[in-house]
All heavy atoms as atom14 arrays in JSON, in Angstrom:
{
  "sequence": "AIGSDEAQALCAELIDRVAEQRLYQALGLCRALIRLEDEAVPLLAVV",
  "atom14_mask": [
    [1, 1, 1, 1, 1, 0, 0, 0, 0, 0, 0, 0, 0, 0],
    [1, 1, 1, 1, 1, 1, 1, 1, 0, 0, 0, 0, 0, 0],
    [1, 1, 1, 1, 0, 0, 0, 0, 0, 0, 0, 0, 0, 0],
    [1, 1, 1, 1, 1, 1, 0, 0, 0, 0, 0, 0, 0, 0],
    [1, 1, 1, 1, 1, 1, 1, 1, 0, 0, 0, 0, 0, 0],
    [1, 1, 1, 1, 1, 1, 1, 1, 1, 0, 0, 0, 0, 0],
    [1, 1, 1, 1, 1, 0, 0, 0, 0, 0, 0, 0, 0, 0],
    [1, 1, 1, 1, 1, 1, 1, 1, 1, 0, 0, 0, 0, 0],
    [1, 1, 1, 1, 1, 0, 0, 0, 0, 0, 0, 0, 0, 0],
    [1, 1, 1, 1, 1, 1, 1, 1, 0, 0, 0, 0, 0, 0],
    [1, 1, 1, 1, 1, 1, 0, 0, 0, 0, 0, 0, 0, 0],
    [1, 1, 1, 1, 1, 0, 0, 0, 0, 0, 0, 0, 0, 0],
    [1, 1, 1, 1, 1, 1, 1, 1, 1, 0, 0, 0, 0, 0],
    [1, 1, 1, 1, 1, 1, 1, 1, 0, 0, 0, 0, 0, 0],
    [1, 1, 1, 1, 1, 1, 1, 1, 0, 0, 0, 0, 0, 0],
    [1, 1, 1, 1, 1, 1, 1, 1, 0, 0, 0, 0, 0, 0],
    [1, 1, 1, 1, 1, 1, 1, 1, 1, 1, 1, 0, 0, 0],
    [1, 1, 1, 1, 1, 1, 1, 0, 0, 0, 0, 0, 0, 0],
    [1, 1, 1, 1, 1, 0, 0, 0, 0, 0, 0, 0, 0, 0],
    [1, 1, 1, 1, 1, 1, 1, 1, 1, 0, 0, 0, 0, 0],
    [1, 1, 1, 1, 1, 1, 1, 1, 1, 0, 0, 0, 0, 0],
    [1, 1, 1, 1, 1, 1, 1, 1, 1, 1, 1, 0, 0, 0],
    [1, 1, 1, 1, 1, 1, 1, 1, 0, 0, 0, 0, 0, 0],
    [1, 1, 1, 1, 1, 1, 1, 1, 1, 1, 1, 1, 0, 0],
    [1, 1, 1, 1, 1, 1, 1, 1, 1, 0, 0, 0, 0, 0],
    [1, 1, 1, 1, 1, 0, 0, 0, 0, 0, 0, 0, 0, 0],
    [1, 1, 1, 1, 1, 1, 1, 1, 0, 0, 0, 0, 0, 0],
    [1, 1, 1, 1, 0, 0, 0, 0, 0, 0, 0, 0, 0, 0],
    [1, 1, 1, 1, 1, 1, 1, 1, 0, 0, 0, 0, 0, 0],
    [1, 1, 1, 1, 1, 1, 0, 0, 0, 0, 0, 0, 0, 0],
    [1, 1, 1, 1, 1, 1, 1, 1, 1, 1, 1, 0, 0, 0],
    [1, 1, 1, 1, 1, 0, 0, 0, 0, 0, 0, 0, 0, 0],
    [1, 1, 1, 1, 1, 1, 1, 1, 0, 0, 0, 0, 0, 0],
    [1, 1, 1, 1, 1, 1, 1, 1, 0, 0, 0, 0, 0, 0],
    [1, 1, 1, 1, 1, 1, 1, 1, 1, 1, 1, 0, 0, 0],
    [1, 1, 1, 1, 1, 1, 1, 1, 0, 0, 0, 0, 0, 0],
    [1, 1, 1, 1, 1, 1, 1, 1, 1, 0, 0, 0, 0, 0],
    [1, 1, 1, 1, 1, 1, 1, 1, 0, 0, 0, 0, 0, 0],
    [1, 1, 1, 1, 1, 1, 1, 1, 1, 0, 0, 0, 0, 0],
    [1, 1, 1, 1, 1, 0, 0, 0, 0, 0, 0, 0, 0, 0],
    [1, 1, 1, 1, 1, 1, 1, 0, 0, 0, 0, 0, 0, 0],
    [1, 1, 1, 1, 1, 1, 1, 0, 0, 0, 0, 0, 0, 0],
    [1, 1, 1, 1, 1, 1, 1, 1, 0, 0, 0, 0, 0, 0],
    [1, 1, 1, 1, 1, 1, 1, 1, 0, 0, 0, 0, 0, 0],
    [1, 1, 1, 1, 1, 0, 0, 0, 0, 0, 0, 0, 0, 0],
    [1, 1, 1, 1, 1, 1, 1, 0, 0, 0, 0, 0, 0, 0],
    [1, 1, 1, 1, 1, 1, 1, 0, 0, 0, 0, 0, 0, 0]
  ],
  "atom14_positions": [
    [[111.99, 111.82, 90.35], [111.23, 113.06, 90.58], [110.43, 113.0, 91.87], [110.32, 114.0, 92.58], [110.3, 113.32, 89.4], [0.0, 0.0, 0.0], [0.0, 0.0, 0.0], [0.0, 0.0, 0.0], [0.0, 0.0, 0.0], [0.0, 0.0, 0.0], [0.0, 0.0, 0.0], [0.0, 0.0, 0.0], [0.0, 0.0, 0.0], [0.0, 0.0, 0.0]],
    [[109.88, 111.83, 92.19], [109.01, 111.7, 93.38], [109.84, 111.38, 94.61], [109.69, 112.0, 95.66], [107.94, 110.61, 93.15], [107.07, 110.97, 91.95], [107.08, 110.45, 94.41], [106.19, 109.84, 91.45], [0.0, 0.0, 0.0], [0.0, 0.0, 0.0], [0.0, 0.0, 0.0], [0.0, 0.0, 0.0], [0.0, 0.0, 0.0], [0.0, 0.0, 0.0]],
    [[110.69, 110.35, 94.48], [111.64, 110.02, 95.53], [111.09, 109.38, 96.79], [111.83, 109.22, 97.75], [0.0, 0.0, 0.0], [0.0, 0.0, 0.0], [0.0, 0.0, 0.0], [0.0, 0.0, 0.0], [0.0, 0.0, 0.0], [0.0, 0.0, 0.0], [0.0, 0.0, 0.0], [0.0, 0.0, 0.0], [0.0, 0.0, 0.0], [0.0, 0.0, 0.0]],
    [[109.84, 108.98, 96.83], [109.3, 108.38, 98.05], [109.5, 106.87, 98.07], [109.76, 106.25, 97.04], [107.8, 108.69, 98.17], [107.07, 107.96, 97.19], [0.0, 0.0, 0.0], [0.0, 0.0, 0.0], [0.0, 0.0, 0.0], [0.0, 0.0, 0.0], [0.0, 0.0, 0.0], [0.0, 0.0, 0.0], [0.0, 0.0, 0.0], [0.0, 0.0, 0.0]],
    [[109.35, 106.28, 99.25], [109.44, 104.83, 99.37], [108.32, 104.15, 98.58], [108.54, 103.11, 97.97], [109.35, 104.4, 100.84], [110.59, 104.81, 101.64], [111.64, 105.11, 101.02], [110.5, 104.84, 102.88], [0.0, 0.0, 0.0], [0.0, 0.0, 0.0], [0.0, 0.0, 0.0], [0.0, 0.0, 0.0], [0.0, 0.0, 0.0], [0.0, 0.0, 0.0]],
    [[107.14, 104.76, 98.6], [106.01, 104.2, 97.85], [106.3, 104.21, 96.35], [106.02, 103.23, 95.64], [104.74, 104.98, 98.15], [103.48, 104.34, 97.58], [102.22, 105.09, 97.97], [102.3, 106.12, 98.68], [101.15, 104.63, 97.56], [0.0, 0.0, 0.0], [0.0, 0.0, 0.0], [0.0, 0.0, 0.0], [0.0, 0.0, 0.0], [0.0, 0.0, 0.0]],
    [[106.88, 105.29, 95.85], [107.24, 105.37, 94.43], [108.3, 104.32, 94.09], [108.24, 103.69, 93.04], [107.74, 106.77, 94.09], [0.0, 0.0, 0.0], [0.0, 0.0, 0.0], [0.0, 0.0, 0.0], [0.0, 0.0, 0.0], [0.0, 0.0, 0.0], [0.0, 0.0, 0.0], [0.0, 0.0, 0.0], [0.0, 0.0, 0.0], [0.0, 0.0, 0.0]],
    [[109.26, 104.13, 94.99], [110.3, 103.14, 94.76], [109.7, 101.74, 94.65], [110.05, 100.98, 93.75], [111.34, 103.18, 95.87], [112.47, 102.18, 95.66], [113.51, 102.23, 96.76], [113.27, 102.77, 97.84], [114.66, 101.67, 96.5], [0.0, 0.0, 0.0], [0.0, 0.0, 0.0], [0.0, 0.0, 0.0], [0.0, 0.0, 0.0], [0.0, 0.0, 0.0]],
    [[108.77, 101.41, 95.54], [108.13, 100.1, 95.51], [107.3, 99.92, 94.24], [107.34, 98.85, 93.61], [107.24, 99.92, 96.75], [0.0, 0.0, 0.0], [0.0, 0.0, 0.0], [0.0, 0.0, 0.0], [0.0, 0.0, 0.0], [0.0, 0.0, 0.0], [0.0, 0.0, 0.0], [0.0, 0.0, 0.0], [0.0, 0.0, 0.0], [0.0, 0.0, 0.0]],
    [[106.55, 100.95, 93.86], [105.76, 100.87, 92.62], [106.64, 100.7, 91.4], [106.34, 99.88, 90.52], [104.9, 102.14, 92.45], [103.62, 102.23, 93.25], [103.02, 103.62, 93.12], [102.63, 101.17, 92.81], [0.0, 0.0, 0.0], [0.0, 0.0, 0.0], [0.0, 0.0, 0.0], [0.0, 0.0, 0.0], [0.0, 0.0, 0.0], [0.0, 0.0, 0.0]],
    [[107.73, 101.45, 91.34], [108.64, 101.35, 90.2], [109.29, 99.98, 90.12], [109.42, 99.4, 89.04], [109.7, 102.45, 90.25], [109.02, 104.09, 89.92], [0.0, 0.0, 0.0], [0.0, 0.0, 0.0], [0.0, 0.0, 0.0], [0.0, 0.0, 0.0], [0.0, 0.0, 0.0], [0.0, 0.0, 0.0], [0.0, 0.0, 0.0], [0.0, 0.0, 0.0]],
    [[109.69, 99.43, 91.26], [110.29, 98.09, 91.27], [109.29, 97.05, 90.77], [109.64, 96.18, 89.96], [110.78, 97.74, 92.67], [0.0, 0.0, 0.0], [0.0, 0.0, 0.0], [0.0, 0.0, 0.0], [0.0, 0.0, 0.0], [0.0, 0.0, 0.0], [0.0, 0.0, 0.0], [0.0, 0.0, 0.0], [0.0, 0.0, 0.0], [0.0, 0.0, 0.0]],
    [[108.05, 97.16, 91.24], [107.03, 96.21, 90.81], [106.71, 96.41, 89.33], [106.52, 95.44, 88.59], [105.77, 96.36, 91.66], [104.79, 95.23, 91.44], [103.62, 95.26, 92.41], [103.63, 96.05, 93.38], [102.67, 94.5, 92.17], [0.0, 0.0, 0.0], [0.0, 0.0, 0.0], [0.0, 0.0, 0.0], [0.0, 0.0, 0.0], [0.0, 0.0, 0.0]],
    [[106.66, 97.65, 88.89], [106.41, 97.96, 87.48], [107.48, 97.34, 86.59], [107.18, 96.7, 85.57], [106.35, 99.48, 87.29], [106.31, 100.01, 85.87], [105.09, 99.51, 85.12], [106.33, 101.53, 85.88], [0.0, 0.0, 0.0], [0.0, 0.0, 0.0], [0.0, 0.0, 0.0], [0.0, 0.0, 0.0], [0.0, 0.0, 0.0], [0.0, 0.0, 0.0]],
    [[108.73, 97.5, 86.98], [109.84, 96.92, 86.2], [109.71, 95.4, 86.14], [109.92, 94.79, 85.09], [111.19, 97.37, 86.79], [111.37, 98.87, 86.52], [112.35, 96.56, 86.23], [112.48, 99.52, 87.32], [0.0, 0.0, 0.0], [0.0, 0.0, 0.0], [0.0, 0.0, 0.0], [0.0, 0.0, 0.0], [0.0, 0.0, 0.0], [0.0, 0.0, 0.0]],
    [[109.33, 94.77, 87.26], [109.12, 93.32, 87.27], [108.01, 92.91, 86.3], [108.15, 91.94, 85.56], [108.77, 92.82, 88.67], [109.95, 92.85, 89.63], [111.11, 92.97, 89.16], [109.71, 92.76, 90.85], [0.0, 0.0, 0.0], [0.0, 0.0, 0.0], [0.0, 0.0, 0.0], [0.0, 0.0, 0.0], [0.0, 0.0, 0.0], [0.0, 0.0, 0.0]],
    [[106.89, 93.64, 86.31], [105.76, 93.29, 85.43], [106.14, 93.44, 83.97], [105.76, 92.63, 83.14], [104.52, 94.15, 85.74], [103.88, 93.93, 87.08], [103.49, 92.48, 87.35], [103.43, 92.26, 88.78], [104.43, 91.82, 89.54], [105.6, 91.54, 89.01], [104.29, 91.66, 90.83], [0.0, 0.0, 0.0], [0.0, 0.0, 0.0], [0.0, 0.0, 0.0]],
    [[106.89, 94.49, 83.65], [107.34, 94.69, 82.27], [108.25, 93.53, 81.86], [108.1, 92.97, 80.78], [108.03, 96.06, 82.09], [108.71, 96.15, 80.73], [107.02, 97.19, 82.26], [0.0, 0.0, 0.0], [0.0, 0.0, 0.0], [0.0, 0.0, 0.0], [0.0, 0.0, 0.0], [0.0, 0.0, 0.0], [0.0, 0.0, 0.0], [0.0, 0.0, 0.0]],
    [[109.18, 93.16, 82.73], [110.1, 92.05, 82.42], [109.35, 90.74, 82.22], [109.75, 89.92, 81.39], [111.13, 91.91, 83.54], [0.0, 0.0, 0.0], [0.0, 0.0, 0.0], [0.0, 0.0, 0.0], [0.0, 0.0, 0.0], [0.0, 0.0, 0.0], [0.0, 0.0, 0.0], [0.0, 0.0, 0.0], [0.0, 0.0, 0.0], [0.0, 0.0, 0.0]],
    [[108.26, 90.55, 82.96], [107.46, 89.33, 82.86], [106.42, 89.4, 81.74], [105.65, 88.46, 81.55], [106.71, 89.08, 84.18], [107.6, 88.86, 85.36], [106.87, 89.02, 86.7], [105.69, 89.46, 86.72], [107.5, 88.71, 87.72], [0.0, 0.0, 0.0], [0.0, 0.0, 0.0], [0.0, 0.0, 0.0], [0.0, 0.0, 0.0], [0.0, 0.0, 0.0]],
    [[106.4, 90.52, 81.02], [105.41, 90.76, 79.95], [103.97, 90.74, 80.47], [103.04, 90.39, 79.76], [105.57, 89.73, 78.81], [106.88, 89.84, 78.07], [106.98, 91.18, 77.34], [106.14, 91.49, 76.52], [108.0, 91.96, 77.64], [0.0, 0.0, 0.0], [0.0, 0.0, 0.0], [0.0, 0.0, 0.0], [0.0, 0.0, 0.0], [0.0, 0.0, 0.0]],
    [[103.79, 91.14, 81.71], [102.46, 91.28, 82.31], [102.09, 92.76, 82.24], [102.05, 93.47, 83.23], [102.47, 90.73, 83.73], [102.71, 89.21, 83.73], [102.88, 88.61, 85.09], [101.78, 88.97, 85.98], [101.84, 88.81, 87.3], [102.93, 88.3, 87.86], [100.83, 89.14, 88.06], [0.0, 0.0, 0.0], [0.0, 0.0, 0.0], [0.0, 0.0, 0.0]],
    [[101.85, 93.18, 81.01], [101.75, 94.61, 80.71], [100.43, 95.22, 81.16], [100.4, 96.4, 81.51], [101.99, 94.84, 79.22], [103.4, 94.41, 78.79], [103.5, 94.33, 77.28], [104.44, 95.37, 79.35], [0.0, 0.0, 0.0], [0.0, 0.0, 0.0], [0.0, 0.0, 0.0], [0.0, 0.0, 0.0], [0.0, 0.0, 0.0], [0.0, 0.0, 0.0]],
    [[99.36, 94.46, 81.18], [98.09, 95.02, 81.67], [98.22, 95.37, 83.15], [97.77, 96.43, 83.59], [96.93, 94.06, 81.42], [95.59, 94.71, 81.65], [95.04, 95.54, 80.68], [94.91, 94.55, 82.85], [93.83, 96.17, 80.89], [93.69, 95.17, 83.07], [93.15, 95.98, 82.08], [91.96, 96.61, 82.3], [0.0, 0.0, 0.0], [0.0, 0.0, 0.0]],
    [[98.89, 94.49, 83.92], [99.13, 94.78, 85.33], [100.07, 95.98, 85.47], [99.93, 96.79, 86.39], [99.71, 93.56, 86.06], [98.74, 92.43, 86.22], [98.75, 91.47, 85.03], [99.41, 91.7, 84.02], [97.99, 90.41, 85.14], [0.0, 0.0, 0.0], [0.0, 0.0, 0.0], [0.0, 0.0, 0.0], [0.0, 0.0, 0.0], [0.0, 0.0, 0.0]],
    [[101.05, 96.09, 84.57], [101.97, 97.23, 84.59], [101.21, 98.55, 84.4], [101.56, 99.56, 85.01], [103.04, 97.06, 83.52], [0.0, 0.0, 0.0], [0.0, 0.0, 0.0], [0.0, 0.0, 0.0], [0.0, 0.0, 0.0], [0.0, 0.0, 0.0], [0.0, 0.0, 0.0], [0.0, 0.0, 0.0], [0.0, 0.0, 0.0], [0.0, 0.0, 0.0]],
    [[100.16, 98.53, 83.58], [99.37, 99.73, 83.37], [98.72, 100.2, 84.68], [98.67, 101.39, 84.97], [98.3, 99.5, 82.3], [98.83, 99.38, 80.87], [97.72, 98.93, 79.93], [99.46, 100.67, 80.41], [0.0, 0.0, 0.0], [0.0, 0.0, 0.0], [0.0, 0.0, 0.0], [0.0, 0.0, 0.0], [0.0, 0.0, 0.0], [0.0, 0.0, 0.0]],
    [[98.23, 99.26, 85.46], [97.64, 99.61, 86.76], [98.67, 100.23, 87.69], [98.38, 101.19, 88.41], [0.0, 0.0, 0.0], [0.0, 0.0, 0.0], [0.0, 0.0, 0.0], [0.0, 0.0, 0.0], [0.0, 0.0, 0.0], [0.0, 0.0, 0.0], [0.0, 0.0, 0.0], [0.0, 0.0, 0.0], [0.0, 0.0, 0.0], [0.0, 0.0, 0.0]],
    [[99.87, 99.7, 87.67], [100.95, 100.27, 88.49], [101.31, 101.68, 88.01], [101.58, 102.57, 88.81], [102.17, 99.36, 88.48], [101.94, 97.99, 89.14], [103.06, 97.03, 88.78], [101.8, 98.15, 90.64], [0.0, 0.0, 0.0], [0.0, 0.0, 0.0], [0.0, 0.0, 0.0], [0.0, 0.0, 0.0], [0.0, 0.0, 0.0], [0.0, 0.0, 0.0]],
    [[101.29, 101.86, 86.71], [101.56, 103.2, 86.16], [100.5, 104.19, 86.61], [100.82, 105.34, 86.94], [101.61, 103.16, 84.63], [103.1, 102.42, 83.95], [0.0, 0.0, 0.0], [0.0, 0.0, 0.0], [0.0, 0.0, 0.0], [0.0, 0.0, 0.0], [0.0, 0.0, 0.0], [0.0, 0.0, 0.0], [0.0, 0.0, 0.0], [0.0, 0.0, 0.0]],
    [[99.23, 103.77, 86.64], [98.17, 104.67, 87.11], [98.43, 105.08, 88.56], [98.24, 106.25, 88.92], [96.8, 104.02, 86.94], [96.28, 104.06, 85.51], [94.83, 103.62, 85.41], [94.65, 102.21, 85.62], [94.77, 101.28, 84.68], [95.09, 101.61, 83.45], [94.58, 100.01, 84.96], [0.0, 0.0, 0.0], [0.0, 0.0, 0.0], [0.0, 0.0, 0.0]],
    [[98.86, 104.14, 89.39], [99.18, 104.46, 90.79], [100.37, 105.42, 90.85], [100.38, 106.35, 91.67], [99.47, 103.18, 91.57], [0.0, 0.0, 0.0], [0.0, 0.0, 0.0], [0.0, 0.0, 0.0], [0.0, 0.0, 0.0], [0.0, 0.0, 0.0], [0.0, 0.0, 0.0], [0.0, 0.0, 0.0], [0.0, 0.0, 0.0], [0.0, 0.0, 0.0]],
    [[101.35, 105.21, 89.99], [102.52, 106.09, 89.95], [102.12, 107.5, 89.49], [102.62, 108.49, 90.02], [103.57, 105.49, 89.02], [104.98, 106.05, 89.09], [105.55, 105.95, 90.49], [105.88, 105.33, 88.09], [0.0, 0.0, 0.0], [0.0, 0.0, 0.0], [0.0, 0.0, 0.0], [0.0, 0.0, 0.0], [0.0, 0.0, 0.0], [0.0, 0.0, 0.0]],
    [[101.2, 107.59, 88.55], [100.7, 108.89, 88.1], [100.02, 109.62, 89.25], [100.23, 110.83, 89.44], [99.74, 108.73, 86.9], [100.53, 108.32, 85.64], [98.94, 110.01, 86.64], [99.67, 107.86, 84.47], [0.0, 0.0, 0.0], [0.0, 0.0, 0.0], [0.0, 0.0, 0.0], [0.0, 0.0, 0.0], [0.0, 0.0, 0.0], [0.0, 0.0, 0.0]],
    [[99.22, 108.9, 90.05], [98.57, 109.53, 91.21], [99.62, 110.08, 92.19], [99.49, 111.2, 92.68], [97.63, 108.55, 91.91], [96.31, 108.35, 91.18], [95.31, 107.57, 92.0], [95.71, 106.2, 92.27], [95.54, 105.18, 91.42], [94.99, 105.37, 90.25], [95.93, 103.97, 91.75], [0.0, 0.0, 0.0], [0.0, 0.0, 0.0], [0.0, 0.0, 0.0]],
    [[100.65, 109.28, 92.45], [101.72, 109.75, 93.35], [102.41, 110.97, 92.77], [102.71, 111.93, 93.5], [102.77, 108.65, 93.54], [102.54, 107.61, 94.61], [103.71, 106.65, 94.66], [102.36, 108.26, 95.97], [0.0, 0.0, 0.0], [0.0, 0.0, 0.0], [0.0, 0.0, 0.0], [0.0, 0.0, 0.0], [0.0, 0.0, 0.0], [0.0, 0.0, 0.0]],
    [[102.69, 110.93, 91.49], [103.35, 112.04, 90.83], [102.49, 113.3, 90.91], [103.0, 114.39, 91.21], [103.62, 111.65, 89.37], [104.45, 112.62, 88.59], [104.68, 112.11, 87.19], [103.68, 111.92, 86.44], [105.85, 111.89, 86.82], [0.0, 0.0, 0.0], [0.0, 0.0, 0.0], [0.0, 0.0, 0.0], [0.0, 0.0, 0.0], [0.0, 0.0, 0.0]],
    [[101.18, 113.15, 90.67], [100.28, 114.3, 90.75], [100.25, 114.89, 92.15], [100.17, 116.11, 92.32], [98.86, 113.9, 90.33], [98.72, 113.67, 88.83], [99.65, 114.07, 88.07], [97.71, 113.1, 88.41], [0.0, 0.0, 0.0], [0.0, 0.0, 0.0], [0.0, 0.0, 0.0], [0.0, 0.0, 0.0], [0.0, 0.0, 0.0], [0.0, 0.0, 0.0]],
    [[100.3, 114.04, 93.17], [100.33, 114.52, 94.56], [101.65, 115.21, 94.87], [101.68, 116.17, 95.64], [100.12, 113.35, 95.53], [98.74, 112.74, 95.47], [98.64, 111.42, 96.24], [99.63, 111.01, 96.88], [97.56, 110.81, 96.18], [0.0, 0.0, 0.0], [0.0, 0.0, 0.0], [0.0, 0.0, 0.0], [0.0, 0.0, 0.0], [0.0, 0.0, 0.0]],
    [[102.74, 114.75, 94.27], [104.06, 115.3, 94.56], [104.31, 116.62, 93.86], [105.08, 117.44, 94.35], [105.15, 114.29, 94.18], [0.0, 0.0, 0.0], [0.0, 0.0, 0.0], [0.0, 0.0, 0.0], [0.0, 0.0, 0.0], [0.0, 0.0, 0.0], [0.0, 0.0, 0.0], [0.0, 0.0, 0.0], [0.0, 0.0, 0.0], [0.0, 0.0, 0.0]],
    [[103.67, 116.84, 92.72], [103.94, 118.05, 91.94], [103.7, 119.32, 92.74], [104.58, 120.19, 92.78], [103.14, 118.04, 90.61], [103.16, 119.41, 89.93], [103.71, 116.99, 89.68], [0.0, 0.0, 0.0], [0.0, 0.0, 0.0], [0.0, 0.0, 0.0], [0.0, 0.0, 0.0], [0.0, 0.0, 0.0], [0.0, 0.0, 0.0], [0.0, 0.0, 0.0]],
    [[102.56, 119.5, 93.42], [102.4, 120.73, 94.22], [103.47, 120.84, 95.32], [103.95, 121.92, 95.6], [101.01, 120.6, 94.83], [100.29, 119.61, 93.99], [101.36, 118.7, 93.43], [0.0, 0.0, 0.0], [0.0, 0.0, 0.0], [0.0, 0.0, 0.0], [0.0, 0.0, 0.0], [0.0, 0.0, 0.0], [0.0, 0.0, 0.0], [0.0, 0.0, 0.0]],
    [[103.84, 119.71, 95.89], [104.87, 119.72, 96.93], [106.22, 120.12, 96.35], [106.97, 120.88, 96.96], [104.97, 118.35, 97.6], [103.73, 117.88, 98.35], [103.93, 116.46, 98.86], [103.41, 118.82, 99.49], [0.0, 0.0, 0.0], [0.0, 0.0, 0.0], [0.0, 0.0, 0.0], [0.0, 0.0, 0.0], [0.0, 0.0, 0.0], [0.0, 0.0, 0.0]],
    [[106.54, 119.63, 95.16], [107.81, 119.98, 94.53], [107.85, 121.46, 94.19], [108.89, 122.11, 94.32], [108.02, 119.14, 93.27], [108.24, 117.64, 93.49], [108.28, 116.91, 92.16], [109.52, 117.4, 94.27], [0.0, 0.0, 0.0], [0.0, 0.0, 0.0], [0.0, 0.0, 0.0], [0.0, 0.0, 0.0], [0.0, 0.0, 0.0], [0.0, 0.0, 0.0]],
    [[106.73, 122.03, 93.76], [106.68, 123.46, 93.43], [106.93, 124.31, 94.67], [107.62, 125.33, 94.6], [105.34, 123.8, 92.79], [0.0, 0.0, 0.0], [0.0, 0.0, 0.0], [0.0, 0.0, 0.0], [0.0, 0.0, 0.0], [0.0, 0.0, 0.0], [0.0, 0.0, 0.0], [0.0, 0.0, 0.0], [0.0, 0.0, 0.0], [0.0, 0.0, 0.0]],
    [[106.39, 123.89, 95.83], [106.58, 124.63, 97.07], [108.04, 124.58, 97.5], [108.62, 125.58, 97.91], [105.66, 124.07, 98.18], [106.03, 124.65, 99.53], [104.21, 124.35, 97.85], [0.0, 0.0, 0.0], [0.0, 0.0, 0.0], [0.0, 0.0, 0.0], [0.0, 0.0, 0.0], [0.0, 0.0, 0.0], [0.0, 0.0, 0.0], [0.0, 0.0, 0.0]],
    [[108.67, 123.41, 97.36], [110.07, 123.25, 97.76], [110.98, 124.13, 96.89], [111.94, 124.69, 97.37], [110.48, 121.76, 97.67], [111.97, 121.6, 97.85], [109.73, 120.95, 98.7], [0.0, 0.0, 0.0], [0.0, 0.0, 0.0], [0.0, 0.0, 0.0], [0.0, 0.0, 0.0], [0.0, 0.0, 0.0], [0.0, 0.0, 0.0], [0.0, 0.0, 0.0]]
  ]
}
């Protein structure tokens, strides 16, 4: 949905943290991903 390089990096790191069972750190990455998603939503609506 977001498609940015920053989102790709966050998602890759998030997947790594989940695989390593470092879930508290994964939550922080999810919060960053939510911020990116919130910023992208108005842009997606305009497009």
